[in-house]
Amino acid sequence: MLETKDLPATKDFYTAILGFNCDTYSEEWGWAHFSKDEIAIMFSKPNEERNIPEPIMSGSLYITVDDIDSVWDELKYNCSICYPIENFEYGMREFGVFDNNGYLLQFGEVINKNIPLD
């Protein structure tokens, strides 16, 4: 569950830019559920109990894909880029973008099947 101050903009980003389905959306509840393939992400508006001024996350969401170059081609002009696509010595080809809330989304594909990722 990630927080967003702008639920409609988050819905637009995850559906129009990333191609997720919006399975549940309620402005009244301040909550939305998105899915694509085997990925599910939920967002909620900030609530009074948590009282955190800005959404925070010290890490990233890492999404493994089958055709990283196609995903890069779809997103590189529509997202704020954290780092461009490149091959890494640990056997992944990946890139990172920021969503409309500032969360880091990393996309990667295994390029060297001989390097264990467990």
PDB file of N, CA and C in Angstrom:
ATOM      1  N   MET A   1       0.858  -1.167   0.000  1.00  0.00           N
ATOM      2  CA  MET A   1       0.000   0.000   0.000  1.00  0.00           C
ATOM      3  C   MET A   1       0.906   1.231   0.000  1.00  0.00           C
ATOM      4  N   LEU A   2       0.787   2.016  -1.053  1.00  0.00           N
ATOM      5  CA  LEU A   2       1.560   3.251  -1.158  1.00  0.00           C
ATOM      6  C   LEU A   2       0.612   4.435  -1.019  1.00  0.00           C
ATOM      7  N   GLU A   3       1.136   5.540  -0.522  1.00  0.00           N
ATOM      8  CA  GLU A   3       0.311   6.733  -0.374  1.00  0.00           C
ATOM      9  C   GLU A   3       0.465   7.654  -1.578  1.00  0.00           C
ATOM     10  N   THR A   4      -0.623   8.366  -1.869  1.00  0.00           N
ATOM     11  CA  THR A   4      -0.616   9.380  -2.908  1.00  0.00           C
ATOM     12  C   THR A   4      -1.507  10.531  -2.482  1.00  0.00           C
ATOM     13  N   LYS A   5      -1.064  11.739  -2.739  1.00  0.00           N
ATOM     14  CA  LYS A   5      -1.905  12.905  -2.466  1.00  0.00           C
ATOM     15  C   LYS A   5      -2.862  13.168  -3.625  1.00  0.00           C
ATOM     16  N   ASP A   6      -2.572  12.581  -4.783  1.00  0.00           N
ATOM     17  CA  ASP A   6      -3.382  12.838  -5.976  1.00  0.00           C
ATOM     18  C   ASP A   6      -3.801  11.501  -6.595  1.00  0.00           C
ATOM     19  N   LEU A   7      -4.892  10.971  -6.097  1.00  0.00           N
ATOM     20  CA  LEU A   7      -5.375   9.672  -6.555  1.00  0.00           C
ATOM     21  C   LEU A   7      -5.756   9.675  -8.036  1.00  0.00           C
ATOM     22  N   PRO A   8      -6.443  10.719  -8.548  1.00  0.00           N
ATOM     23  CA  PRO A   8      -6.758  10.724  -9.986  1.00  0.00           C
ATOM     24  C   PRO A   8      -5.508  10.728 -10.875  1.00  0.00           C
ATOM     25  N   ALA A   9      -4.483  11.489 -10.505  1.00  0.00           N
ATOM     26  CA  ALA A   9      -3.252  11.515 -11.302  1.00  0.00           C
ATOM     27  C   ALA A   9      -2.531  10.178 -11.234  1.00  0.00           C
ATOM     28  N   THR A  10      -2.593   9.525 -10.075  1.00  0.00           N
ATOM     29  CA  THR A  10      -1.985   8.203  -9.932  1.00  0.00           C
ATOM     30  C   THR A  10      -2.719   7.197 -10.806  1.00  0.00           C
ATOM     31  N   LYS A  11      -4.029   7.279 -10.818  1.00  0.00           N
ATOM     32  CA  LYS A  11      -4.818   6.401 -11.694  1.00  0.00           C
ATOM     33  C   LYS A  11      -4.424   6.615 -13.154  1.00  0.00           C
ATOM     34  N   ASP A  12      -4.319   7.862 -13.572  1.00  0.00           N
ATOM     35  CA  ASP A  12      -3.926   8.169 -14.953  1.00  0.00           C
ATOM     36  C   ASP A  12      -2.542   7.626 -15.271  1.00  0.00           C
ATOM     37  N   PHE A  13      -1.579   7.824 -14.367  1.00  0.00           N
ATOM     38  CA  PHE A  13      -0.210   7.371 -14.616  1.00  0.00           C
ATOM     39  C   PHE A  13      -0.151   5.850 -14.748  1.00  0.00           C
ATOM     40  N   TYR A  14      -0.744   5.151 -13.799  1.00  0.00           N
ATOM     41  CA  TYR A  14      -0.631   3.689 -13.794  1.00  0.00           C
ATOM     42  C   TYR A  14      -1.444   3.029 -14.907  1.00  0.00           C
ATOM     43  N   THR A  15      -2.520   3.651 -15.351  1.00  0.00           N
ATOM     44  CA  THR A  15      -3.312   3.055 -16.437  1.00  0.00           C
ATOM     45  C   THR A  15      -2.824   3.533 -17.803  1.00  0.00           C
ATOM     46  N   ALA A  16      -2.740   4.836 -18.006  1.00  0.00           N
ATOM     47  CA  ALA A  16      -2.390   5.378 -19.327  1.00  0.00           C
ATOM     48  C   ALA A  16      -0.911   5.209 -19.671  1.00  0.00           C
ATOM     49  N   ILE A  17      -0.023   5.404 -18.710  1.00  0.00           N
ATOM     50  CA  ILE A  17       1.421   5.347 -18.986  1.00  0.00           C
ATOM     51  C   ILE A  17       1.964   3.918 -18.837  1.00  0.00           C
ATOM     52  N   LEU A  18       1.621   3.263 -17.715  1.00  0.00           N
ATOM     53  CA  LEU A  18       2.186   1.932 -17.451  1.00  0.00           C
ATOM     54  C   LEU A  18       1.322   0.781 -17.933  1.00  0.00           C
ATOM     55  N   GLY A  19       0.082   1.046 -18.313  1.00  0.00           N
ATOM     56  CA  GLY A  19      -0.776   0.002 -18.852  1.00  0.00           C
ATOM     57  C   GLY A  19      -1.390  -0.932 -17.831  1.00  0.00           C
ATOM     58  N   PHE A  20      -1.469  -0.496 -16.575  1.00  0.00           N
ATOM     59  CA  PHE A  20      -2.122  -1.303 -15.548  1.00  0.00           C
ATOM     60  C   PHE A  20      -3.635  -1.209 -15.706  1.00  0.00           C
ATOM     61  N   ASN A  21      -4.338  -2.214 -15.185  1.00  0.00           N
ATOM     62  CA  ASN A  21      -5.795  -2.163 -15.072  1.00  0.00           C
ATOM     63  C   ASN A  21      -6.129  -1.523 -13.730  1.00  0.00           C
ATOM     64  N   CYS A  22      -7.153  -0.702 -13.704  1.00  0.00           N
ATOM     65  CA  CYS A  22      -7.647  -0.168 -12.444  1.00  0.00           C
ATOM     66  C   CYS A  22      -8.797  -1.068 -12.014  1.00  0.00           C
ATOM     67  N   ASP A  23      -8.538  -1.937 -11.042  1.00  0.00           N
ATOM     68  CA  ASP A  23      -9.512  -2.929 -10.606  1.00  0.00           C
ATOM     69  C   ASP A  23     -10.546  -2.344  -9.643  1.00  0.00           C
ATOM     70  N   THR A  24     -10.112  -1.444  -8.784  1.00  0.00           N
ATOM     71  CA  THR A  24     -10.998  -0.791  -7.827  1.00  0.00           C
ATOM     72  C   THR A  24     -10.523   0.641  -7.637  1.00  0.00           C
ATOM     73  N   TYR A  25     -11.473   1.569  -7.621  1.00  0.00           N
ATOM     74  CA  TYR A  25     -11.128   2.983  -7.455  1.00  0.00           C
ATOM     75  C   TYR A  25     -12.267   3.667  -6.708  1.00  0.00           C
ATOM     76  N   SER A  26     -11.919   4.366  -5.618  1.00  0.00           N
ATOM     77  CA  SER A  26     -12.941   5.082  -4.863  1.00  0.00           C
ATOM     78  C   SER A  26     -12.366   6.381  -4.317  1.00  0.00           C
ATOM     79  N   GLU A  27     -12.828   7.485  -4.843  1.00  0.00           N
ATOM     80  CA  GLU A  27     -12.449   8.790  -4.296  1.00  0.00           C
ATOM     81  C   GLU A  27     -12.950   8.906  -2.854  1.00  0.00           C
ATOM     82  N   GLU A  28     -14.131   8.370  -2.605  1.00  0.00           N
ATOM     83  CA  GLU A  28     -14.718   8.442  -1.259  1.00  0.00           C
ATOM     84  C   GLU A  28     -13.827   7.744  -0.233  1.00  0.00           C
ATOM     85  N   TRP A  29     -13.341   6.572  -0.550  1.00  0.00           N
ATOM     86  CA  TRP A  29     -12.456   5.838   0.351  1.00  0.00           C
ATOM     87  C   TRP A  29     -11.011   6.338   0.257  1.00  0.00           C
ATOM     88  N   GLY A  30     -10.696   7.026  -0.847  1.00  0.00           N
ATOM     89  CA  GLY A  30      -9.317   7.449  -1.060  1.00  0.00           C
ATOM     90  C   GLY A  30      -8.399   6.268  -1.306  1.00  0.00           C
ATOM     91  N   TRP A  31      -8.859   5.354  -2.165  1.00  0.00           N
ATOM     92  CA  TRP A  31      -8.140   4.096  -2.348  1.00  0.00           C
ATOM     93  C   TRP A  31      -8.305   3.582  -3.773  1.00  0.00           C
ATOM     94  N   ALA A  32      -7.247   2.925  -4.289  1.00  0.00           N
ATOM     95  CA  ALA A  32      -7.302   2.322  -5.619  1.00  0.00           C
ATOM     96  C   ALA A  32      -6.423   1.076  -5.657  1.00  0.00           C
ATOM     97  N   HIS A  33      -6.835   0.131  -6.499  1.00  0.00           N
ATOM     98  CA  HIS A  33      -6.094  -1.114  -6.692  1.00  0.00           C
ATOM     99  C   HIS A  33      -5.832  -1.271  -8.181  1.00  0.00           C
ATOM    100  N   PHE A  34      -4.555  -1.501  -8.535  1.00  0.00           N
ATOM    101  CA  PHE A  34      -4.150  -1.657  -9.924  1.00  0.00           C
ATOM    102  C   PHE A  34      -3.485  -3.009 -10.104  1.00  0.00           C
ATOM    103  N   SER A  35      -3.617  -3.590 -11.304  1.00  0.00           N
ATOM    104  CA  SER A  35      -2.953  -4.862 -11.578  1.00  0.00           C
ATOM    105  C   SER A  35      -2.535  -4.931 -13.039  1.00  0.00           C
ATOM    106  N   LYS A  36      -1.487  -5.710 -13.243  1.00  0.00           N
ATOM    107  CA  LYS A  36      -1.002  -5.992 -14.597  1.00  0.00           C
ATOM    108  C   LYS A  36      -0.216  -7.293 -14.515  1.00  0.00           C
ATOM    109  N   ASP A  37      -0.596  -8.256 -15.325  1.00  0.00           N
ATOM    110  CA  ASP A  37       0.034  -9.574 -15.294  1.00  0.00           C
ATOM    111  C   ASP A  37      -0.037 -10.105 -13.856  1.00  0.00           C
ATOM    112  N   GLU A  38       1.107 -10.361 -13.237  1.00  0.00           N
ATOM    113  CA  GLU A  38       1.115 -10.894 -11.868  1.00  0.00           C
ATOM    114  C   GLU A  38       1.424  -9.827 -10.818  1.00  0.00           C
ATOM    115  N   ILE A  39       1.308  -8.568 -11.187  1.00  0.00           N
ATOM    116  CA  ILE A  39       1.647  -7.455 -10.285  1.00  0.00           C
ATOM    117  C   ILE A  39       0.371  -6.801  -9.793  1.00  0.00           C
ATOM    118  N   ALA A  40       0.314  -6.516  -8.503  1.00  0.00           N
ATOM    119  CA  ALA A  40      -0.799  -5.770  -7.919  1.00  0.00           C
ATOM    120  C   ALA A  40      -0.222  -4.674  -7.030  1.00  0.00           C
ATOM    121  N   ILE A  41      -0.747  -3.458  -7.177  1.00  0.00           N
ATOM    122  CA  ILE A  41      -0.306  -2.307  -6.376  1.00  0.00           C
ATOM    123  C   ILE A  41      -1.543  -1.584  -5.880  1.00  0.00           C
ATOM    124  N   MET A  42      -1.530  -1.223  -4.606  1.00  0.00           N
ATOM    125  CA  MET A  42      -2.624  -0.442  -4.039  1.00  0.00           C
ATOM    126  C   MET A  42      -2.105   0.923  -3.612  1.00  0.00           C
ATOM    127  N   PHE A  43      -2.944   1.933  -3.773  1.00  0.00           N
ATOM    128  CA  PHE A  43      -2.639   3.294  -3.338  1.00  0.00           C
ATOM    129  C   PHE A  43      -3.754   3.795  -2.448  1.00  0.00           C
ATOM    130  N   SER A  44      -3.381   4.615  -1.472  1.00  0.00           N
ATOM    131  CA  SER A  44      -4.386   5.281  -0.648  1.00  0.00           C
ATOM    132  C   SER A  44      -3.979   6.731  -0.442  1.00  0.00           C
ATOM    133  N   LYS A  45      -4.965   7.551  -0.183  1.00  0.00           N
ATOM    134  CA  LYS A  45      -4.679   8.936   0.176  1.00  0.00           C
ATOM    135  C   LYS A  45      -4.175   8.945   1.616  1.00  0.00           C
ATOM    136  N   PRO A  46      -3.377   9.949   1.990  1.00  0.00           N
ATOM    137  CA  PRO A  46      -2.899  10.031   3.376  1.00  0.00           C
ATOM    138  C   PRO A  46      -4.080  10.068   4.341  1.00  0.00           C
ATOM    139  N   ASN A  47      -3.874   9.476   5.505  1.00  0.00           N
ATOM    140  CA  ASN A  47      -4.946   9.514   6.500  1.00  0.00           C
ATOM    141  C   ASN A  47      -4.459  10.188   7.778  1.00  0.00           C
ATOM    142  N   GLU A  48      -5.389  10.620   8.588  1.00  0.00           N
ATOM    143  CA  GLU A  48      -5.077  11.375   9.797  1.00  0.00           C
ATOM    144  C   GLU A  48      -4.271  10.570  10.810  1.00  0.00           C
ATOM    145  N   GLU A  49      -4.479   9.272  10.866  1.00  0.00           N
ATOM    146  CA  GLU A  49      -3.786   8.445  11.851  1.00  0.00           C
ATOM    147  C   GLU A  49      -2.280   8.402  11.624  1.00  0.00           C
ATOM    148  N   ARG A  50      -1.871   8.374  10.379  1.00  0.00           N
ATOM    149  CA  ARG A  50      -0.430   8.283  10.090  1.00  0.00           C
ATOM    150  C   ARG A  50       0.259   9.618  10.206  1.00  0.00           C
ATOM    151  N   ASN A  51      -0.386  10.677   9.763  1.00  0.00           N
ATOM    152  CA  ASN A  51       0.127  12.040   9.890  1.00  0.00           C
ATOM    153  C   ASN A  51       1.560  12.199   9.352  1.00  0.00           C
ATOM    154  N   ILE A  52       1.809  11.649   8.180  1.00  0.00           N
ATOM    155  CA  ILE A  52       3.104  11.794   7.516  1.00  0.00           C
ATOM    156  C   ILE A  52       2.943  12.862   6.438  1.00  0.00           C
ATOM    157  N   PRO A  53       3.753  13.940   6.469  1.00  0.00           N
ATOM    158  CA  PRO A  53       3.541  15.048   5.535  1.00  0.00           C
ATOM    159  C   PRO A  53       3.712  14.699   4.057  1.00  0.00           C
ATOM    160  N   GLU A  54       4.636  13.812   3.733  1.00  0.00           N
ATOM    161  CA  GLU A  54       4.884  13.419   2.339  1.00  0.00           C
ATOM    162  C   GLU A  54       4.993  11.902   2.262  1.00  0.00           C
ATOM    163  N   PRO A  55       4.536  11.309   1.157  1.00  0.00           N
ATOM    164  CA  PRO A  55       4.757   9.869   0.985  1.00  0.00           C
ATOM    165  C   PRO A  55       6.253   9.579   0.974  1.00  0.00           C
ATOM    166  N   ILE A  56       6.661   8.526   1.662  1.00  0.00           N
ATOM    167  CA  ILE A  56       8.084   8.181   1.721  1.00  0.00           C
ATOM    168  C   ILE A  56       8.275   6.691   1.450  1.00  0.00           C
ATOM    169  N   MET A  57       9.397   6.377   0.865  1.00  0.00           N
ATOM    170  CA  MET A  57       9.795   4.996   0.682  1.00  0.00           C
ATOM    171  C   MET A  57      11.295   5.009   0.451  1.00  0.00           C
ATOM    172  N   SER A  58      12.026   4.254   1.223  1.00  0.00           N
ATOM    173  CA  SER A  58      13.482   4.279   1.115  1.00  0.00           C
ATOM    174  C   SER A  58      14.007   3.378   0.007  1.00  0.00           C
ATOM    175  N   GLY A  59      13.137   2.567  -0.561  1.00  0.00           N
ATOM    176  CA  GLY A  59      13.567   1.648  -1.607  1.00  0.00           C
ATOM    177  C   GLY A  59      12.880   1.937  -2.917  1.00  0.00           C
ATOM    178  N   SER A  60      12.640   0.884  -3.663  1.00  0.00           N
ATOM    179  CA  SER A  60      12.000   1.018  -4.964  1.00  0.00           C
ATOM    180  C   SER A  60      11.096  -0.189  -5.191  1.00  0.00           C
ATOM    181  N   LEU A  61      10.271  -0.097  -6.202  1.00  0.00           N
ATOM    182  CA  LEU A  61       9.504  -1.250  -6.666  1.00  0.00           C
ATOM    183  C   LEU A  61      10.245  -1.795  -7.876  1.00  0.00           C
ATOM    184  N   TYR A  62      10.605  -3.078  -7.826  1.00  0.00           N
ATOM    185  CA  TYR A  62      11.371  -3.692  -8.911  1.00  0.00           C
ATOM    186  C   TYR A  62      10.447  -4.631  -9.671  1.00  0.00           C
ATOM    187  N   ILE A  63      10.328  -4.397 -10.960  1.00  0.00           N
ATOM    188  CA  ILE A  63       9.416  -5.161 -11.801  1.00  0.00           C
ATOM    189  C   ILE A  63      10.232  -5.895 -12.865  1.00  0.00           C
ATOM    190  N   THR A  64      10.197  -7.222 -12.840  1.00  0.00           N
ATOM    191  CA  THR A  64      10.899  -8.025 -13.833  1.00  0.00           C
ATOM    192  C   THR A  64       9.996  -8.217 -15.047  1.00  0.00           C
ATOM    193  N   VAL A  65      10.546  -7.971 -16.225  1.00  0.00           N
ATOM    194  CA  VAL A  65       9.778  -8.067 -17.470  1.00  0.00           C
ATOM    195  C   VAL A  65      10.494  -8.998 -18.445  1.00  0.00           C
ATOM    196  N   ASP A  66       9.788  -9.386 -19.512  1.00  0.00           N
ATOM    197  CA  ASP A  66      10.350 -10.287 -20.519  1.00  0.00           C
ATOM    198  C   ASP A  66      11.023  -9.559 -21.676  1.00  0.00           C
ATOM    199  N   ASP A  67      10.599  -8.342 -21.982  1.00  0.00           N
ATOM    200  CA  ASP A  67      11.162  -7.605 -23.124  1.00  0.00           C
ATOM    201  C   ASP A  67      11.483  -6.180 -22.684  1.00  0.00           C
ATOM    202  N   ILE A  68      12.597  -6.042 -21.986  1.00  0.00           N
ATOM    203  CA  ILE A  68      12.972  -4.776 -21.356  1.00  0.00           C
ATOM    204  C   ILE A  68      13.106  -3.638 -22.366  1.00  0.00           C
ATOM    205  N   ASP A  69      13.606  -3.941 -23.550  1.00  0.00           N
ATOM    206  CA  ASP A  69      13.803  -2.876 -24.542  1.00  0.00           C
ATOM    207  C   ASP A  69      12.470  -2.294 -25.009  1.00  0.00           C
ATOM    208  N   SER A  70      11.462  -3.127 -25.152  1.00  0.00           N
ATOM    209  CA  SER A  70      10.133  -2.631 -25.535  1.00  0.00           C
ATOM    210  C   SER A  70       9.536  -1.764 -24.427  1.00  0.00           C
ATOM    211  N   VAL A  71       9.707  -2.204 -23.182  1.00  0.00           N
ATOM    212  CA  VAL A  71       9.184  -1.418 -22.057  1.00  0.00           C
ATOM    213  C   VAL A  71       9.897  -0.070 -21.993  1.00  0.00           C
ATOM    214  N   TRP A  72      11.211  -0.073 -22.178  1.00  0.00           N
ATOM    215  CA  TRP A  72      11.983   1.167 -22.198  1.00  0.00           C
ATOM    216  C   TRP A  72      11.473   2.085 -23.310  1.00  0.00           C
ATOM    217  N   ASP A  73      11.273   1.544 -24.497  1.00  0.00           N
ATOM    218  CA  ASP A  73      10.789   2.351 -25.618  1.00  0.00           C
ATOM    219  C   ASP A  73       9.416   2.971 -25.330  1.00  0.00           C
ATOM    220  N   GLU A  74       8.571   2.253 -24.595  1.00  0.00           N
ATOM    221  CA  GLU A  74       7.243   2.764 -24.246  1.00  0.00           C
ATOM    222  C   GLU A  74       7.292   3.859 -23.191  1.00  0.00           C
ATOM    223  N   LEU A  75       8.258   3.785 -22.274  1.00  0.00           N
ATOM    224  CA  LEU A  75       8.244   4.678 -21.116  1.00  0.00           C
ATOM    225  C   LEU A  75       9.231   5.839 -21.167  1.00  0.00           C
ATOM    226  N   LYS A  76      10.290   5.744 -21.945  1.00  0.00           N
ATOM    227  CA  LYS A  76      11.378   6.716 -21.849  1.00  0.00           C
ATOM    228  C   LYS A  76      10.962   8.158 -22.131  1.00  0.00           C
ATOM    229  N   TYR A  77       9.930   8.386 -22.907  1.00  0.00           N
ATOM    230  CA  TYR A  77       9.495   9.754 -23.191  1.00  0.00           C
ATOM    231  C   TYR A  77       8.297  10.177 -22.350  1.00  0.00           C
ATOM    232  N   ASN A  78       7.748   9.258 -21.550  1.00  0.00           N
ATOM    233  CA  ASN A  78       6.544   9.547 -20.779  1.00  0.00           C
ATOM    234  C   ASN A  78       6.761   9.566 -19.274  1.00  0.00           C
ATOM    235  N   CYS A  79       7.997   9.337 -18.834  1.00  0.00           N
ATOM    236  CA  CYS A  79       8.292   9.281 -17.401  1.00  0.00           C
ATOM    237  C   CYS A  79       9.535  10.103 -17.091  1.00  0.00           C
ATOM    238  N   SER A  80       9.658  10.461 -15.844  1.00  0.00           N
ATOM    239  CA  SER A  80      10.880  11.081 -15.353  1.00  0.00           C
ATOM    240  C   SER A  80      11.897   9.962 -15.131  1.00  0.00           C
ATOM    241  N   ILE A  81      13.032  10.046 -15.800  1.00  0.00           N
ATOM    242  CA  ILE A  81      14.031   8.979 -15.781  1.00  0.00           C
ATOM    243  C   ILE A  81      14.947   9.120 -14.564  1.00  0.00           C
ATOM    244  N   CYS A  82      15.113   8.031 -13.827  1.00  0.00           N
ATOM    245  CA  CYS A  82      16.096   7.992 -12.748  1.00  0.00           C
ATOM    246  C   CYS A  82      17.448   7.578 -13.330  1.00  0.00           C
ATOM    247  N   TYR A  83      17.448   6.475 -14.094  1.00  0.00           N
ATOM    248  CA  TYR A  83      18.649   6.073 -14.822  1.00  0.00           C
ATOM    249  C   TYR A  83      18.209   5.346 -16.092  1.00  0.00           C
ATOM    250  N   PRO A  84      18.942   5.560 -17.196  1.00  0.00           N
ATOM    251  CA  PRO A  84      18.555   4.964 -18.478  1.00  0.00           C
ATOM    252  C   PRO A  84      18.876   3.475 -18.521  1.00  0.00           C
ATOM    253  N   ILE A  85      18.373   2.843 -19.555  1.00  0.00           N
ATOM    254  CA  ILE A  85      18.574   1.406 -19.724  1.00  0.00           C
ATOM    255  C   ILE A  85      20.056   1.086 -19.898  1.00  0.00           C
ATOM    256  N   GLU A  86      20.486   0.028 -19.217  1.00  0.00           N
ATOM    257  CA  GLU A  86      21.865  -0.442 -19.362  1.00  0.00           C
ATOM    258  C   GLU A  86      21.970  -1.868 -18.848  1.00  0.00           C
ATOM    259  N   ASN A  87      23.075  -2.510 -19.224  1.00  0.00           N
ATOM    260  CA  ASN A  87      23.367  -3.860 -18.761  1.00  0.00           C
ATOM    261  C   ASN A  87      24.245  -3.765 -17.518  1.00  0.00           C
ATOM    262  N   PHE A  88      23.937  -4.586 -16.512  1.00  0.00           N
ATOM    263  CA  PHE A  88      24.703  -4.576 -15.280  1.00  0.00           C
ATOM    264  C   PHE A  88      25.445  -5.896 -15.123  1.00  0.00           C
ATOM    265  N   GLU A  89      26.605  -5.829 -14.444  1.00  0.00           N
ATOM    266  CA  GLU A  89      27.463  -7.008 -14.293  1.00  0.00           C
ATOM    267  C   GLU A  89      26.801  -8.136 -13.514  1.00  0.00           C
ATOM    268  N   TYR A  90      25.742  -7.843 -12.788  1.00  0.00           N
ATOM    269  CA  TYR A  90      25.045  -8.886 -12.036  1.00  0.00           C
ATOM    270  C   TYR A  90      24.003  -9.609 -12.882  1.00  0.00           C
ATOM    271  N   GLY A  91      24.035  -9.399 -14.208  1.00  0.00           N
ATOM    272  CA  GLY A  91      23.231 -10.197 -15.119  1.00  0.00           C
ATOM    273  C   GLY A  91      21.861  -9.649 -15.457  1.00  0.00           C
ATOM    274  N   MET A  92      21.638  -8.368 -15.204  1.00  0.00           N
ATOM    275  CA  MET A  92      20.344  -7.749 -15.504  1.00  0.00           C
ATOM    276  C   MET A  92      20.524  -6.589 -16.469  1.00  0.00           C
ATOM    277  N   ARG A  93      19.528  -6.404 -17.321  1.00  0.00           N
ATOM    278  CA  ARG A  93      19.406  -5.206 -18.158  1.00  0.00           C
ATOM    279  C   ARG A  93      18.223  -4.461 -17.565  1.00  0.00           C
ATOM    280  N   GLU A  94      18.429  -3.205 -17.155  1.00  0.00           N
ATOM    281  CA  GLU A  94      17.381  -2.515 -16.429  1.00  0.00           C
ATOM    282  C   GLU A  94      17.444  -1.008 -16.593  1.00  0.00           C
ATOM    283  N   PHE A  95      16.364  -0.362 -16.133  1.00  0.00           N
ATOM    284  CA  PHE A  95      16.293   1.099 -16.068  1.00  0.00           C
ATOM    285  C   PHE A  95      15.361   1.474 -14.926  1.00  0.00           C
ATOM    286  N   GLY A  96      15.410   2.749 -14.550  1.00  0.00           N
ATOM    287  CA  GLY A  96      14.546   3.222 -13.469  1.00  0.00           C
ATOM    288  C   GLY A  96      13.846   4.511 -13.846  1.00  0.00           C
ATOM    289  N   VAL A  97      12.584   4.613 -13.468  1.00  0.00           N
ATOM    290  CA  VAL A  97      11.787   5.830 -13.685  1.00  0.00           C
ATOM    291  C   VAL A  97      11.070   6.177 -12.378  1.00  0.00           C
ATOM    292  N   PHE A  98      10.613   7.421 -12.297  1.00  0.00           N
ATOM    293  CA  PHE A  98       9.813   7.848 -11.161  1.00  0.00           C
ATOM    294  C   PHE A  98       8.354   7.925 -11.584  1.00  0.00           C
ATOM    295  N   ASP A  99       7.457   7.481 -10.698  1.00  0.00           N
ATOM    296  CA  ASP A  99       6.039   7.636 -11.000  1.00  0.00           C
ATOM    297  C   ASP A  99       5.608   9.059 -10.655  1.00  0.00           C
ATOM    298  N   ASN A 100       4.345   9.362 -10.807  1.00  0.00           N
ATOM    299  CA  ASN A 100       3.847  10.714 -10.568  1.00  0.00           C
ATOM    300  C   ASN A 100       3.953  11.136  -9.104  1.00  0.00           C
ATOM    301  N   ASN A 101       4.156  10.190  -8.195  1.00  0.00           N
ATOM    302  CA  ASN A 101       4.295  10.491  -6.774  1.00  0.00           C
ATOM    303  C   ASN A 101       5.749  10.611  -6.332  1.00  0.00           C
ATOM    304  N   GLY A 102       6.673  10.274  -7.219  1.00  0.00           N
ATOM    305  CA  GLY A 102       8.085  10.294  -6.881  1.00  0.00           C
ATOM    306  C   GLY A 102       8.642   8.935  -6.472  1.00  0.00           C
ATOM    307  N   TYR A 103       7.823   7.888  -6.504  1.00  0.00           N
ATOM    308  CA  TYR A 103       8.311   6.544  -6.190  1.00  0.00           C
ATOM    309  C   TYR A 103       9.183   6.041  -7.332  1.00  0.00           C
ATOM    310  N   LEU A 104      10.279   5.372  -6.978  1.00  0.00           N
ATOM    311  CA  LEU A 104      11.183   4.813  -7.975  1.00  0.00           C
ATOM    312  C   LEU A 104      10.668   3.446  -8.419  1.00  0.00           C
ATOM    313  N   LEU A 105      10.475   3.299  -9.724  1.00  0.00           N
ATOM    314  CA  LEU A 105      10.078   2.031 -10.336  1.00  0.00           C
ATOM    315  C   LEU A 105      11.249   1.563 -11.183  1.00  0.00           C
ATOM    316  N   GLN A 106      11.771   0.389 -10.870  1.00  0.00           N
ATOM    317  CA  GLN A 106      12.862  -0.182 -11.647  1.00  0.00           C
ATOM    318  C   GLN A 106      12.314  -1.352 -12.454  1.00  0.00           C
ATOM    319  N   PHE A 107      12.716  -1.421 -13.711  1.00  0.00           N
ATOM    320  CA  PHE A 107      12.300  -2.496 -14.604  1.00  0.00           C
ATOM    321  C   PHE A 107      13.549  -3.240 -15.029  1.00  0.00           C
ATOM    322  N   GLY A 108      13.499  -4.567 -14.987  1.00  0.00           N
ATOM    323  CA  GLY A 108      14.676  -5.343 -15.336  1.00  0.00           C
ATOM    324  C   GLY A 108      14.347  -6.649 -16.019  1.00  0.00           C
ATOM    325  N   GLU A 109      15.324  -7.136 -16.774  1.00  0.00           N
ATOM    326  CA  GLU A 109      15.226  -8.431 -17.453  1.00  0.00           C
ATOM    327  C   GLU A 109      16.552  -9.164 -17.276  1.00  0.00           C
ATOM    328  N   VAL A 110      16.481 -10.444 -16.983  1.00  0.00           N
ATOM    329  CA  VAL A 110      17.687 -11.267 -16.858  1.00  0.00           C
ATOM    330  C   VAL A 110      18.334 -11.384 -18.229  1.00  0.00           C
ATOM    331  N   ILE A 111      19.624 -11.062 -18.288  1.00  0.00           N
ATOM    332  CA  ILE A 111      20.356 -11.198 -19.567  1.00  0.00           C
ATOM    333  C   ILE A 111      21.432 -12.261 -19.478  1.00  0.00           C
ATOM    334  N   ASN A 112      21.827 -12.631 -18.266  1.00  0.00           N
ATOM    335  CA  ASN A 112      22.826 -13.668 -18.097  1.00  0.00           C
ATOM    336  C   ASN A 112      22.232 -14.735 -17.184  1.00  0.00           C
ATOM    337  N   LYS A 113      21.749 -15.791 -17.772  1.00  0.00           N
ATOM    338  CA  LYS A 113      21.065 -16.850 -17.034  1.00  0.00           C
ATOM    339  C   LYS A 113      22.020 -17.630 -16.119  1.00  0.00           C
ATOM    340  N   ASN A 114      23.341 -17.427 -16.291  1.00  0.00           N
ATOM    341  CA  ASN A 114      24.321 -18.167 -15.492  1.00  0.00           C
ATOM    342  C   ASN A 114      24.587 -17.523 -14.142  1.00  0.00           C
ATOM    343  N   ILE A 115      24.135 -16.286 -13.936  1.00  0.00           N
ATOM    344  CA  ILE A 115      24.330 -15.612 -12.656  1.00  0.00           C
ATOM    345  C   ILE A 115      23.083 -15.827 -11.801  1.00  0.00           C
ATOM    346  N   PRO A 116      23.224 -16.510 -10.663  1.00  0.00           N
ATOM    347  CA  PRO A 116      22.041 -16.736  -9.811  1.00  0.00           C
ATOM    348  C   PRO A 116      21.572 -15.432  -9.185  1.00  0.00           C
ATOM    349  N   LEU A 117      20.244 -15.208  -9.182  1.00  0.00           N
ATOM    350  CA  LEU A 117      19.678 -13.995  -8.615  1.00  0.00           C
ATOM    351  C   LEU A 117      18.967 -14.282  -7.293  1.00  0.00           C
ATOM    352  N   ASP A 118      19.135 -15.453  -6.731  1.00  0.00           N
ATOM    353  CA  ASP A 118      18.454 -15.822  -5.484  1.00  0.00           C
ATOM    354  C   ASP A 118      19.141 -15.223  -4.291  1.00  0.00           C
TER     355      ASP A 118
END
